[in-house]
Structure formats: structure tokens, C-alpha cells
Amino acid sequence: LACATVAAERGHKVTLFDRSPSIGGQFNLAKQVPGKEEFYETLRYFTHKLASLPTISLQLATEADASTLAGYDRVVLATGVVPRSLSLPGWDHPKVASYVDVLQRRGAGRGGGGLLR
């Protein structure tokens, strides 16, 4: 997001593709962690910034591939974050949940309201 806004401010025409229907990737999970509400502000800032720059075209819910990117002079590939899995004994137990499961209230992470300890 920062790269797109800086490039646009420097006079470049920017097309920003995001596979998700909204910007932010892992920020959308992080903002749900108690004490990390500042990520709401980060996303609000970039949403406003992207909208204020007329040389940025935002393509949400669009996965970019080689044919999609063929006509561009330059491509910056920001792949986002893939949650890592652990290879610890018991990691695959049904009562063990990843942070994604907890924050999206799936599986063992349902209820609670805060992070599990």
C-alpha cells in the first residue's frame, strides 16, 4: 500500500490488485487483537490515501497473473503474509487453533473475546 501511494505521488500511474475484496491483508486480522486497534487507523489512512490519488486504480477481488500484468512497464509484487504452521507435537490436535482461527472465530477459538493463553 505504501509503495502504491508513494509511486502515485511521484507521478506514476498505479494499478493495485488485491485478491481480497478489501485492502489490508493481515492488518484486517491484526486490528482485532486487543491492544492493536491502531491497525484500524492504518487501514483508514490507506483507504483515504488511495482514494485521494487519481492516478491509482484499485482492483479488488482480482487475482493478478502473468496475462493480467503483461501490459505494464513495471510490476511490484507484494505477496502478503502466509501464516506459518508449527511442527510441534500436538499441533494437529482438534483443540489447537491457529491465530487465524481464533481471530476469525473458527473451531477451537470460538467465544472468549480475547486471545487464548
Foldseek 3Di string as FASTA:
>chain_A
DVVQLVCLVVPAQEEAEELAQADDACLVLQCQAVPRVCSVVVRVVVVVSQVVRPSYHYHYNDDDDCVNCVPDPDDDDDPGDDDDQDDDPPSPPQLHDDSVCLSVCHGNNHDDSHDDD
